[in-house]
PDB file of N, CA and C in Angstrom:
ATOM      1  N   MET A   1     252.412  61.944 -23.526  1.00  0.00           N
ATOM      2  CA  MET A   1     252.262  63.389 -23.490  1.00  0.00           C
ATOM      3  C   MET A   1     252.124  63.886 -24.929  1.00  0.00           C
ATOM      4  N   SER A   2     251.177  64.786 -25.157  1.00  0.00           N
ATOM      5  CA  SER A   2     250.937  65.312 -26.499  1.00  0.00           C
ATOM      6  C   SER A   2     252.065  66.267 -26.919  1.00  0.00           C
ATOM      7  N   PHE A   3     252.131  66.530 -28.224  1.00  0.00           N
ATOM      8  CA  PHE A   3     253.124  67.459 -28.739  1.00  0.00           C
ATOM      9  C   PHE A   3     252.920  68.853 -28.140  1.00  0.00           C
ATOM     10  N   ALA A   4     251.662  69.281 -28.049  1.00  0.00           N
ATOM     11  CA  ALA A   4     251.368  70.607 -27.485  1.00  0.00           C
ATOM     12  C   ALA A   4     251.852  70.710 -26.044  1.00  0.00           C
ATOM     13  N   ALA A   5     251.666  69.644 -25.256  1.00  0.00           N
ATOM     14  CA  ALA A   5     252.118  69.646 -23.862  1.00  0.00           C
ATOM     15  C   ALA A   5     253.642  69.670 -23.785  1.00  0.00           C
ATOM     16  N   LEU A   6     254.294  68.923 -24.672  1.00  0.00           N
ATOM     17  CA  LEU A   6     255.767  68.933 -24.712  1.00  0.00           C
ATOM     18  C   LEU A   6     256.293  70.314 -25.081  1.00  0.00           C
ATOM     19  N   LEU A   7     255.668  70.941 -26.069  1.00  0.00           N
ATOM     20  CA  LEU A   7     256.105  72.274 -26.482  1.00  0.00           C
ATOM     21  C   LEU A   7     255.882  73.297 -25.374  1.00  0.00           C
ATOM     22  N   ALA A   8     254.770  73.197 -24.668  1.00  0.00           N
ATOM     23  CA  ALA A   8     254.501  74.108 -23.553  1.00  0.00           C
ATOM     24  C   ALA A   8     255.571  73.953 -22.478  1.00  0.00           C
ATOM     25  N   ALA A   9     255.937  72.707 -22.171  1.00  0.00           N
ATOM     26  CA  ALA A   9     256.983  72.456 -21.174  1.00  0.00           C
ATOM     27  C   ALA A   9     258.324  72.998 -21.656  1.00  0.00           C
ATOM     28  N   ALA A  10     258.617  72.829 -22.945  1.00  0.00           N
ATOM     29  CA  ALA A  10     259.870  73.342 -23.510  1.00  0.00           C
ATOM     30  C   ALA A  10     259.900  74.870 -23.454  1.00  0.00           C
ATOM     31  N   ASP A  11     258.778  75.509 -23.808  1.00  0.00           N
ATOM     32  CA  ASP A  11     258.701  76.978 -23.740  1.00  0.00           C
ATOM     33  C   ASP A  11     258.987  77.469 -22.327  1.00  0.00           C
ATOM     34  N   ARG A  12     258.364  76.840 -21.343  1.00  0.00           N
ATOM     35  CA  ARG A  12     258.557  77.258 -19.946  1.00  0.00           C
ATOM     36  C   ARG A  12     260.008  77.070 -19.511  1.00  0.00           C
ATOM     37  N   ALA A  13     260.630  75.957 -19.932  1.00  0.00           N
ATOM     38  CA  ALA A  13     262.036  75.702 -19.584  1.00  0.00           C
ATOM     39  C   ALA A  13     262.939  76.755 -20.224  1.00  0.00           C
ATOM     40  N   VAL A  14     262.702  77.074 -21.482  1.00  0.00           N
ATOM     41  CA  VAL A  14     263.529  78.077 -22.169  1.00  0.00           C
ATOM     42  C   VAL A  14     263.355  79.443 -21.511  1.00  0.00           C
ATOM     43  N   ILE A  15     262.123  79.813 -21.190  1.00  0.00           N
ATOM     44  CA  ILE A  15     261.881  81.103 -20.531  1.00  0.00           C
ATOM     45  C   ILE A  15     262.641  81.171 -19.211  1.00  0.00           C
ATOM     46  N   THR A  16     262.629  80.090 -18.449  1.00  0.00           N
ATOM     47  CA  THR A  16     263.321  80.056 -17.154  1.00  0.00           C
ATOM     48  C   THR A  16     264.828  80.091 -17.340  1.00  0.00           C
ATOM     49  N   ILE A  17     265.366  79.223 -18.190  1.00  0.00           N
ATOM     50  CA  ILE A  17     266.816  79.113 -18.385  1.00  0.00           C
ATOM     51  C   ILE A  17     267.394  80.377 -19.018  1.00  0.00           C
ATOM     52  N   ALA A  18     266.649  80.983 -19.940  1.00  0.00           N
ATOM     53  CA  ALA A  18     267.155  82.163 -20.645  1.00  0.00           C
ATOM     54  C   ALA A  18     266.974  83.450 -19.843  1.00  0.00           C
ATOM     55  N   GLY A  19     266.481  83.342 -18.616  1.00  0.00           N
ATOM     56  CA  GLY A  19     266.375  84.528 -17.770  1.00  0.00           C
ATOM     57  C   GLY A  19     265.047  85.235 -17.859  1.00  0.00           C
ATOM     58  N   GLY A  20     263.961  84.473 -17.927  1.00  0.00           N
ATOM     59  CA  GLY A  20     262.632  85.070 -17.941  1.00  0.00           C
ATOM     60  C   GLY A  20     262.450  85.994 -16.751  1.00  0.00           C
ATOM     61  N   GLU A  21     261.640  87.005 -16.941  1.00  0.00           N
ATOM     62  CA  GLU A  21     261.424  87.966 -15.866  1.00  0.00           C
ATOM     63  C   GLU A  21     259.945  88.283 -15.700  1.00  0.00           C
ATOM     64  N   ALA A  22     259.623  88.915 -14.592  1.00  0.00           N
ATOM     65  CA  ALA A  22     258.237  89.267 -14.302  1.00  0.00           C
ATOM     66  C   ALA A  22     257.739  90.293 -15.307  1.00  0.00           C
ATOM     67  N   VAL A  23     256.580  90.007 -15.864  1.00  0.00           N
ATOM     68  CA  VAL A  23     255.936  90.863 -16.852  1.00  0.00           C
ATOM     69  C   VAL A  23     254.516  91.124 -16.359  1.00  0.00           C
ATOM     70  N   THR A  24     254.135  92.384 -16.280  1.00  0.00           N
ATOM     71  CA  THR A  24     252.765  92.725 -15.899  1.00  0.00           C
ATOM     72  C   THR A  24     251.991  93.042 -17.163  1.00  0.00           C
ATOM     73  N   TYR A  25     250.920  92.279 -17.402  1.00  0.00           N
ATOM     74  CA  TYR A  25     250.054  92.489 -18.566  1.00  0.00           C
ATOM     75  C   TYR A  25     248.758  93.110 -18.065  1.00  0.00           C
ATOM     76  N   ALA A  26     248.295  94.155 -18.733  1.00  0.00           N
ATOM     77  CA  ALA A  26     247.048  94.819 -18.351  1.00  0.00           C
ATOM     78  C   ALA A  26     246.276  95.211 -19.600  1.00  0.00           C
ATOM     79  N   SER A  27     244.968  95.383 -19.429  1.00  0.00           N
ATOM     80  CA  SER A  27     244.108  95.759 -20.540  1.00  0.00           C
ATOM     81  C   SER A  27     243.013  96.691 -20.064  1.00  0.00           C
ATOM     82  N   ASP A  28     242.543  97.562 -20.963  1.00  0.00           N
ATOM     83  CA  ASP A  28     241.418  98.445 -20.660  1.00  0.00           C
ATOM     84  C   ASP A  28     240.077  97.754 -20.855  1.00  0.00           C
ATOM     85  N   THR A  29     240.087  96.549 -21.453  1.00  0.00           N
ATOM     86  CA  THR A  29     238.825  95.861 -21.751  1.00  0.00           C
ATOM     87  C   THR A  29     238.005  95.625 -20.501  1.00  0.00           C
ATOM     88  N   PHE A  30     238.636  95.167 -19.441  1.00  0.00           N
ATOM     89  CA  PHE A  30     237.939  94.851 -18.205  1.00  0.00           C
ATOM     90  C   PHE A  30     238.204  95.965 -17.204  1.00  0.00           C
ATOM     91  N   SER A  31     237.303  96.940 -17.153  1.00  0.00           N
ATOM     92  CA  SER A  31     237.531  98.051 -16.231  1.00  0.00           C
ATOM     93  C   SER A  31     237.542  97.534 -14.802  1.00  0.00           C
ATOM     94  N   GLY A  32     238.562  97.897 -14.090  1.00  0.00           N
ATOM     95  CA  GLY A  32     238.698  97.477 -12.711  1.00  0.00           C
ATOM     96  C   GLY A  32     239.279  96.088 -12.529  1.00  0.00           C
ATOM     97  N   ALA A  33     239.519  95.370 -13.615  1.00  0.00           N
ATOM     98  CA  ALA A  33     240.100  94.031 -13.500  1.00  0.00           C
ATOM     99  C   ALA A  33     241.571  94.148 -13.121  1.00  0.00           C
ATOM    100  N   PRO A  34     242.047  93.251 -12.281  1.00  0.00           N
ATOM    101  CA  PRO A  34     243.465  93.316 -11.911  1.00  0.00           C
ATOM    102  C   PRO A  34     244.352  92.933 -13.089  1.00  0.00           C
ATOM    103  N   SER A  35     245.542  93.452 -13.070  1.00  0.00           N
ATOM    104  CA  SER A  35     246.513  93.052 -14.082  1.00  0.00           C
ATOM    105  C   SER A  35     247.039  91.663 -13.720  1.00  0.00           C
ATOM    106  N   VAL A  36     247.709  91.032 -14.662  1.00  0.00           N
ATOM    107  CA  VAL A  36     248.244  89.696 -14.462  1.00  0.00           C
ATOM    108  C   VAL A  36     249.764  89.780 -14.501  1.00  0.00           C
ATOM    109  N   ILE A  37     250.424  89.191 -13.515  1.00  0.00           N
ATOM    110  CA  ILE A  37     251.887  89.132 -13.513  1.00  0.00           C
ATOM    111  C   ILE A  37     252.285  87.721 -13.931  1.00  0.00           C
ATOM    112  N   ILE A  38     253.030  87.641 -15.034  1.00  0.00           N
ATOM    113  CA  ILE A  38     253.469  86.359 -15.573  1.00  0.00           C
ATOM    114  C   ILE A  38     254.974  86.414 -15.808  1.00  0.00           C
ATOM    115  N   THR A  39     255.551  85.322 -16.229  1.00  0.00           N
ATOM    116  CA  THR A  39     256.973  85.298 -16.577  1.00  0.00           C
ATOM    117  C   THR A  39     257.100  85.259 -18.088  1.00  0.00           C
ATOM    118  N   GLY A  40     257.922  86.138 -18.632  1.00  0.00           N
ATOM    119  CA  GLY A  40     258.128  86.208 -20.075  1.00  0.00           C
ATOM    120  C   GLY A  40     259.594  86.402 -20.391  1.00  0.00           C
ATOM    121  N   LEU A  41     259.919  86.254 -21.647  1.00  0.00           N
ATOM    122  CA  LEU A  41     261.286  86.438 -22.119  1.00  0.00           C
ATOM    123  C   LEU A  41     261.329  87.738 -22.906  1.00  0.00           C
ATOM    124  N   PHE A  42     261.884  88.786 -22.297  1.00  0.00           N
ATOM    125  CA  PHE A  42     261.880  90.138 -22.849  1.00  0.00           C
ATOM    126  C   PHE A  42     263.150  90.391 -23.643  1.00  0.00           C
ATOM    127  N   SER A  43     262.997  91.094 -24.768  1.00  0.00           N
ATOM    128  CA  SER A  43     264.132  91.499 -25.594  1.00  0.00           C
ATOM    129  C   SER A  43     263.903  92.939 -26.036  1.00  0.00           C
ATOM    130  N   SER A  44     264.956  93.748 -25.970  1.00  0.00           N
ATOM    131  CA  SER A  44     264.820  95.153 -26.358  1.00  0.00           C
ATOM    132  C   SER A  44     265.984  95.584 -27.248  1.00  0.00           C
ATOM    133  N   PRO A  45     265.951  95.172 -28.523  1.00  0.00           N
ATOM    134  CA  PRO A  45     267.024  95.592 -29.436  1.00  0.00           C
ATOM    135  C   PRO A  45     266.883  97.065 -29.793  1.00  0.00           C
ATOM    136  N   ASP A  46     267.938  97.619 -30.376  1.00  0.00           N
ATOM    137  CA  ASP A  46     267.867  98.993 -30.860  1.00  0.00           C
ATOM    138  C   ASP A  46     266.754  99.087 -31.891  1.00  0.00           C
ATOM    139  N   VAL A  47     266.061 100.215 -31.897  1.00  0.00           N
ATOM    140  CA  VAL A  47     264.893 100.332 -32.753  1.00  0.00           C
ATOM    141  C   VAL A  47     265.152 101.102 -34.039  1.00  0.00           C
ATOM    142  N   HIS A  48     265.939 102.151 -34.000  1.00  0.00           N
ATOM    143  CA  HIS A  48     266.069 102.999 -35.180  1.00  0.00           C
ATOM    144  C   HIS A  48     267.527 103.381 -35.406  1.00  0.00           C
ATOM    145  N   VAL A  49     267.994 103.192 -36.626  1.00  0.00           N
ATOM    146  CA  VAL A  49     269.377 103.519 -36.970  1.00  0.00           C
ATOM    147  C   VAL A  49     269.379 104.254 -38.304  1.00  0.00           C
ATOM    148  N   THR A  50     270.197 105.307 -38.422  1.00  0.00           N
ATOM    149  CA  THR A  50     270.359 106.001 -39.691  1.00  0.00           C
ATOM    150  C   THR A  50     271.809 105.838 -40.132  1.00  0.00           C
ATOM    151  N   VAL A  51     271.994 105.290 -41.335  1.00  0.00           N
ATOM    152  CA  VAL A  51     273.334 105.062 -41.883  1.00  0.00           C
ATOM    153  C   VAL A  51     273.416 105.745 -43.238  1.00  0.00           C
ATOM    154  N   GLU A  52     274.294 106.737 -43.356  1.00  0.00           N
ATOM    155  CA  GLU A  52     274.501 107.475 -44.599  1.00  0.00           C
ATOM    156  C   GLU A  52     273.186 107.888 -45.246  1.00  0.00           C
ATOM    157  N   GLY A  53     272.309 108.471 -44.458  1.00  0.00           N
ATOM    158  CA  GLY A  53     271.050 108.979 -44.978  1.00  0.00           C
ATOM    159  C   GLY A  53     269.937 107.959 -45.095  1.00  0.00           C
ATOM    160  N   ALA A  54     270.256 106.665 -44.978  1.00  0.00           N
ATOM    161  CA  ALA A  54     269.222 105.630 -45.066  1.00  0.00           C
ATOM    162  C   ALA A  54     268.772 105.263 -43.652  1.00  0.00           C
ATOM    163  N   SER A  55     267.487 105.128 -43.479  1.00  0.00           N
ATOM    164  CA  SER A  55     266.936 104.784 -42.178  1.00  0.00           C
ATOM    165  C   SER A  55     266.567 103.306 -42.157  1.00  0.00           C
ATOM    166  N   VAL A  56     266.952 102.619 -41.079  1.00  0.00           N
ATOM    167  CA  VAL A  56     266.662 101.197 -40.931  1.00  0.00           C
ATOM    168  C   VAL A  56     265.934 101.009 -39.617  1.00  0.00           C
ATOM    169  N   GLN A  57     264.865 100.241 -39.629  1.00  0.00           N
ATOM    170  CA  GLN A  57     264.091  99.997 -38.408  1.00  0.00           C
ATOM    171  C   GLN A  57     264.069  98.502 -38.109  1.00  0.00           C
ATOM    172  N   SER A  58     264.322  98.156 -36.852  1.00  0.00           N
ATOM    173  CA  SER A  58     264.232  96.758 -36.427  1.00  0.00           C
ATOM    174  C   SER A  58     262.859  96.529 -35.818  1.00  0.00           C
ATOM    175  N   ASP A  59     262.626  95.334 -35.297  1.00  0.00           N
ATOM    176  CA  ASP A  59     261.343  95.026 -34.686  1.00  0.00           C
ATOM    177  C   ASP A  59     261.148  95.705 -33.340  1.00  0.00           C
ATOM    178  N   GLY A  60     262.199  96.158 -32.700  1.00  0.00           N
ATOM    179  CA  GLY A  60     262.068  96.826 -31.420  1.00  0.00           C
ATOM    180  C   GLY A  60     261.816  95.849 -30.291  1.00  0.00           C
ATOM    181  N   PRO A  61     261.360  96.367 -29.151  1.00  0.00           N
ATOM    182  CA  PRO A  61     261.182  95.508 -27.985  1.00  0.00           C
ATOM    183  C   PRO A  61     260.053  94.497 -28.192  1.00  0.00           C
ATOM    184  N   SER A  62     260.221  93.338 -27.542  1.00  0.00           N
ATOM    185  CA  SER A  62     259.196  92.296 -27.606  1.00  0.00           C
ATOM    186  C   SER A  62     259.317  91.411 -26.373  1.00  0.00           C
ATOM    187  N   VAL A  63     258.266  90.637 -26.127  1.00  0.00           N
ATOM    188  CA  VAL A  63     258.286  89.688 -25.019  1.00  0.00           C
ATOM    189  C   VAL A  63     257.585  88.408 -25.482  1.00  0.00           C
ATOM    190  N   PHE A  64     258.214  87.265 -25.217  1.00  0.00           N
ATOM    191  CA  PHE A  64     257.611  85.969 -25.530  1.00  0.00           C
ATOM    192  C   PHE A  64     256.915  85.458 -24.275  1.00  0.00           C
ATOM    193  N   ILE A  65     255.656  85.042 -24.442  1.00  0.00           N
ATOM    194  CA  ILE A  65     254.872  84.543 -23.312  1.00  0.00           C
ATOM    195  C   ILE A  65     254.106  83.286 -23.722  1.00  0.00           C
ATOM    196  N   ARG A  66     253.562  82.595 -22.739  1.00  0.00           N
ATOM    197  CA  ARG A  66     252.598  81.524 -22.962  1.00  0.00           C
ATOM    198  C   ARG A  66     251.218  82.149 -22.770  1.00  0.00           C
ATOM    199  N   LEU A  67     250.347  82.042 -23.761  1.00  0.00           N
ATOM    200  CA  LEU A  67     249.036  82.691 -23.714  1.00  0.00           C
ATOM    201  C   LEU A  67     248.170  82.191 -22.566  1.00  0.00           C
ATOM    202  N   THR A  68     248.303  80.928 -22.180  1.00  0.00           N
ATOM    203  CA  THR A  68     247.501  80.394 -21.079  1.00  0.00           C
ATOM    204  C   THR A  68     247.807  81.103 -19.761  1.00  0.00           C
ATOM    205  N   ASP A  69     249.004  81.691 -19.641  1.00  0.00           N
ATOM    206  CA  ASP A  69     249.373  82.410 -18.419  1.00  0.00           C
ATOM    207  C   ASP A  69     248.520  83.662 -18.218  1.00  0.00           C
ATOM    208  N   LEU A  70     247.883  84.160 -19.288  1.00  0.00           N
ATOM    209  CA  LEU A  70     247.069  85.378 -19.203  1.00  0.00           C
ATOM    210  C   LEU A  70     245.680  85.122 -18.646  1.00  0.00           C
ATOM    211  N   GLY A  71     245.304  83.861 -18.472  1.00  0.00           N
ATOM    212  CA  GLY A  71     243.955  83.557 -17.989  1.00  0.00           C
ATOM    213  C   GLY A  71     242.922  83.978 -19.020  1.00  0.00           C
ATOM    214  N   THR A  72     241.977  84.832 -18.614  1.00  0.00           N
ATOM    215  CA  THR A  72     240.913  85.259 -19.522  1.00  0.00           C
ATOM    216  C   THR A  72     241.307  86.453 -20.390  1.00  0.00           C
ATOM    217  N   LEU A  73     242.455  87.048 -20.131  1.00  0.00           N
ATOM    218  CA  LEU A  73     242.909  88.176 -20.947  1.00  0.00           C
ATOM    219  C   LEU A  73     243.398  87.660 -22.298  1.00  0.00           C
ATOM    220  N   ASN A  74     243.267  88.502 -23.337  1.00  0.00           N
ATOM    221  CA  ASN A  74     243.638  88.088 -24.683  1.00  0.00           C
ATOM    222  C   ASN A  74     244.216  89.278 -25.439  1.00  0.00           C
ATOM    223  N   PRO A  75     245.505  89.258 -25.763  1.00  0.00           N
ATOM    224  CA  PRO A  75     246.111  90.416 -26.423  1.00  0.00           C
ATOM    225  C   PRO A  75     245.552  90.702 -27.816  1.00  0.00           C
ATOM    226  N   ASP A  76     244.859  89.718 -28.432  1.00  0.00           N
ATOM    227  CA  ASP A  76     244.233  89.950 -29.738  1.00  0.00           C
ATOM    228  C   ASP A  76     242.961  90.781 -29.628  1.00  0.00           C
ATOM    229  N   SER A  77     242.247  90.652 -28.520  1.00  0.00           N
ATOM    230  CA  SER A  77     240.948  91.331 -28.416  1.00  0.00           C
ATOM    231  C   SER A  77     240.862  92.351 -27.279  1.00  0.00           C
ATOM    232  N   ASP A  78     241.812  92.369 -26.362  1.00  0.00           N
ATOM    233  CA  ASP A  78     241.789  93.350 -25.278  1.00  0.00           C
ATOM    234  C   ASP A  78     242.000  94.755 -25.844  1.00  0.00           C
ATOM    235  N   ALA A  79     241.347  95.720 -25.229  1.00  0.00           N
ATOM    236  CA  ALA A  79     241.512  97.112 -25.639  1.00  0.00           C
ATOM    237  C   ALA A  79     242.768  97.685 -25.008  1.00  0.00           C
ATOM    238  N   ASN A  80     243.613  98.268 -25.815  1.00  0.00           N
ATOM    239  CA  ASN A  80     244.818  98.959 -25.349  1.00  0.00           C
ATOM    240  C   ASN A  80     245.663  98.130 -24.388  1.00  0.00           C
ATOM    241  N   PRO A  81     246.048  96.909 -24.762  1.00  0.00           N
ATOM    242  CA  PRO A  81     246.861  96.113 -23.838  1.00  0.00           C
ATOM    243  C   PRO A  81     248.239  96.738 -23.628  1.00  0.00           C
ATOM    244  N   THR A  82     248.725  96.613 -22.392  1.00  0.00           N
ATOM    245  CA  THR A  82     250.054  97.109 -22.061  1.00  0.00           C
ATOM    246  C   THR A  82     250.846  96.023 -21.346  1.00  0.00           C
ATOM    247  N   VAL A  83     252.156  96.163 -21.420  1.00  0.00           N
ATOM    248  CA  VAL A  83     253.080  95.271 -20.739  1.00  0.00           C
ATOM    249  C   VAL A  83     254.064  96.146 -19.990  1.00  0.00           C
ATOM    250  N   THR A  84     254.306  95.814 -18.722  1.00  0.00           N
ATOM    251  CA  THR A  84     255.309  96.526 -17.935  1.00  0.00           C
ATOM    252  C   THR A  84     256.405  95.545 -17.557  1.00  0.00           C
ATOM    253  N   VAL A  85     257.649  95.902 -17.891  1.00  0.00           N
ATOM    254  CA  VAL A  85     258.817  95.075 -17.602  1.00  0.00           C
ATOM    255  C   VAL A  85     259.899  95.982 -17.035  1.00  0.00           C
ATOM    256  N   SER A  86     260.451  95.625 -15.896  1.00  0.00           N
ATOM    257  CA  SER A  86     261.544  96.388 -15.275  1.00  0.00           C
ATOM    258  C   SER A  86     261.225  97.876 -15.171  1.00  0.00           C
ATOM    259  N   GLY A  87     259.990  98.207 -14.841  1.00  0.00           N
ATOM    260  CA  GLY A  87     259.609  99.590 -14.627  1.00  0.00           C
ATOM    261  C   GLY A  87     259.228 100.370 -15.874  1.00  0.00           C
ATOM    262  N   ALA A  88     259.429  99.817 -17.053  1.00  0.00           N
ATOM    263  CA  ALA A  88     259.054 100.496 -18.300  1.00  0.00           C
ATOM    264  C   ALA A  88     257.741  99.912 -18.812  1.00  0.00           C
ATOM    265  N   THR A  89     256.849 100.781 -19.276  1.00  0.00           N
ATOM    266  CA  THR A  89     255.555 100.341 -19.788  1.00  0.00           C
ATOM    267  C   THR A  89     255.528 100.460 -21.307  1.00  0.00           C
ATOM    268  N   TYR A  90     254.987  99.419 -21.944  1.00  0.00           N
ATOM    269  CA  TYR A  90     254.929  99.320 -23.399  1.00  0.00           C
ATOM    270  C   TYR A  90     253.501  99.047 -23.847  1.00  0.00           C
ATOM    271  N   SER A  91     253.141  99.558 -25.014  1.00  0.00           N
ATOM    272  CA  SER A  91     251.882  99.199 -25.659  1.00  0.00           C
ATOM    273  C   SER A  91     252.140  97.972 -26.525  1.00  0.00           C
ATOM    274  N   VAL A  92     251.180  97.062 -26.565  1.00  0.00           N
ATOM    275  CA  VAL A  92     251.287  95.902 -27.451  1.00  0.00           C
ATOM    276  C   VAL A  92     250.834  96.354 -28.831  1.00  0.00           C
ATOM    277  N   ARG A  93     251.732  96.308 -29.822  1.00  0.00           N
ATOM    278  CA  ARG A  93     251.390  96.767 -31.167  1.00  0.00           C
ATOM    279  C   ARG A  93     251.101  95.629 -32.125  1.00  0.00           C
ATOM    280  N   ASP A  94     251.538  94.407 -31.786  1.00  0.00           N
ATOM    281  CA  ASP A  94     251.296  93.258 -32.659  1.00  0.00           C
ATOM    282  C   ASP A  94     251.455  91.985 -31.838  1.00  0.00           C
ATOM    283  N   VAL A  95     250.717  90.961 -32.217  1.00  0.00           N
ATOM    284  CA  VAL A  95     250.781  89.663 -31.555  1.00  0.00           C
ATOM    285  C   VAL A  95     251.102  88.625 -32.616  1.00  0.00           C
ATOM    286  N   VAL A  96     252.225  87.916 -32.437  1.00  0.00           N
ATOM    287  CA  VAL A  96     252.623  86.869 -33.377  1.00  0.00           C
ATOM    288  C   VAL A  96     252.556  85.542 -32.630  1.00  0.00           C
ATOM    289  N   LYS A  97     251.514  84.759 -32.939  1.00  0.00           N
ATOM    290  CA  LYS A  97     251.327  83.471 -32.273  1.00  0.00           C
ATOM    291  C   LYS A  97     252.140  82.394 -32.971  1.00  0.00           C
ATOM    292  N   ASP A  98     252.623  81.426 -32.177  1.00  0.00           N
ATOM    293  CA  ASP A  98     253.393  80.330 -32.775  1.00  0.00           C
ATOM    294  C   ASP A  98     252.517  79.130 -33.138  1.00  0.00           C
ATOM    295  N   GLY A  99     251.224  79.218 -32.885  1.00  0.00           N
ATOM    296  CA  GLY A  99     250.304  78.140 -33.222  1.00  0.00           C
ATOM    297  C   GLY A  99     250.255  77.020 -32.200  1.00  0.00           C
ATOM    298  N   GLU A 100     251.069  77.123 -31.161  1.00  0.00           N
ATOM    299  CA  GLU A 100     251.133  76.079 -30.132  1.00  0.00           C
ATOM    300  C   GLU A 100     250.994  76.648 -28.726  1.00  0.00           C
ATOM    301  N   GLY A 101     250.396  77.836 -28.608  1.00  0.00           N
ATOM    302  CA  GLY A 101     250.146  78.413 -27.289  1.00  0.00           C
ATOM    303  C   GLY A 101     251.129  79.478 -26.847  1.00  0.00           C
ATOM    304  N   GLY A 102     252.153  79.715 -27.632  1.00  0.00           N
ATOM    305  CA  GLY A 102     253.105  80.773 -27.317  1.00  0.00           C
ATOM    306  C   GLY A 102     252.838  81.979 -28.196  1.00  0.00           C
ATOM    307  N   ALA A 103     253.292  83.148 -27.765  1.00  0.00           N
ATOM    308  CA  ALA A 103     253.107  84.354 -28.571  1.00  0.00           C
ATOM    309  C   ALA A 103     254.234  85.340 -28.305  1.00  0.00           C
ATOM    310  N   LEU A 104     254.642  85.996 -29.360  1.00  0.00           N
ATOM    311  CA  LEU A 104     255.602  87.087 -29.264  1.00  0.00           C
ATOM    312  C   LEU A 104     254.792  88.375 -29.332  1.00  0.00           C
ATOM    313  N   LEU A 105     254.816  89.137 -28.247  1.00  0.00           N
ATOM    314  CA  LEU A 105     254.132  90.422 -28.218  1.00  0.00           C
ATOM    315  C   LEU A 105     255.133  91.481 -28.642  1.00  0.00           C
ATOM    316  N   LYS A 106     254.884  92.128 -29.770  1.00  0.00           N
ATOM    317  CA  LYS A 106     255.752  93.209 -30.236  1.00  0.00           C
ATOM    318  C   LYS A 106     255.278  94.494 -29.573  1.00  0.00           C
ATOM    319  N   LEU A 107     256.210  95.249 -29.048  1.00  0.00           N
ATOM    320  CA  LEU A 107     255.901  96.358 -28.152  1.00  0.00           C
ATOM    321  C   LEU A 107     256.396  97.700 -28.668  1.00  0.00           C
ATOM    322  N   THR A 108     255.749  98.746 -28.180  1.00  0.00           N
ATOM    323  CA  THR A 108     256.199 100.123 -28.415  1.00  0.00           C
ATOM    324  C   THR A 108     256.246 100.794 -27.062  1.00  0.00           C
ATOM    325  N   GLU A 109     257.375 101.417 -26.721  1.00  0.00           N
ATOM    326  CA  GLU A 109     257.496 102.049 -25.406  1.00  0.00           C
ATOM    327  C   GLU A 109     256.559 103.249 -25.326  1.00  0.00           C
ATOM    328  N   ARG A 110     255.868 103.320 -24.187  1.00  0.00           N
ATOM    329  CA  ARG A 110     254.937 104.428 -23.957  1.00  0.00           C
ATOM    330  C   ARG A 110     255.673 105.572 -23.285  1.00  0.00           C
ATOM    331  N   ASP A 111     255.196 106.791 -23.534  1.00  0.00           N
ATOM    332  CA  ASP A 111     255.759 107.961 -22.862  1.00  0.00           C
ATOM    333  C   ASP A 111     255.412 107.888 -21.391  1.00  0.00           C
ATOM    334  N   SER A 112     256.357 108.295 -20.544  1.00  0.00           N
ATOM    335  CA  SER A 112     256.105 108.236 -19.101  1.00  0.00           C
ATOM    336  C   SER A 112     255.149 109.294 -18.659  1.00  0.00           C
TER     337      SER A 112
END
């Protein structure tokens, strides 16, 4: 088994064991195309804190996914990609690839 295949299997195991959840990915690129429901590892830390007049910002919400799960969709080139997790919808603001088929999608919560 290749290293890439081992890493893909490890990613899937970690997503499952760590409590991966259903993530709906959608894009405006393909008008009328169905969204894709995949399993991802979602994290939503606090985003903004002010301490004694100084403002500190964290990375905010994100979801780790396997890019192959998206099929033909691509968060790097899709127009206005969104992710919906547990009823909340987020815009994808950045994509950080791990070089082995996984990606951390950094998110911004959309107004309802």
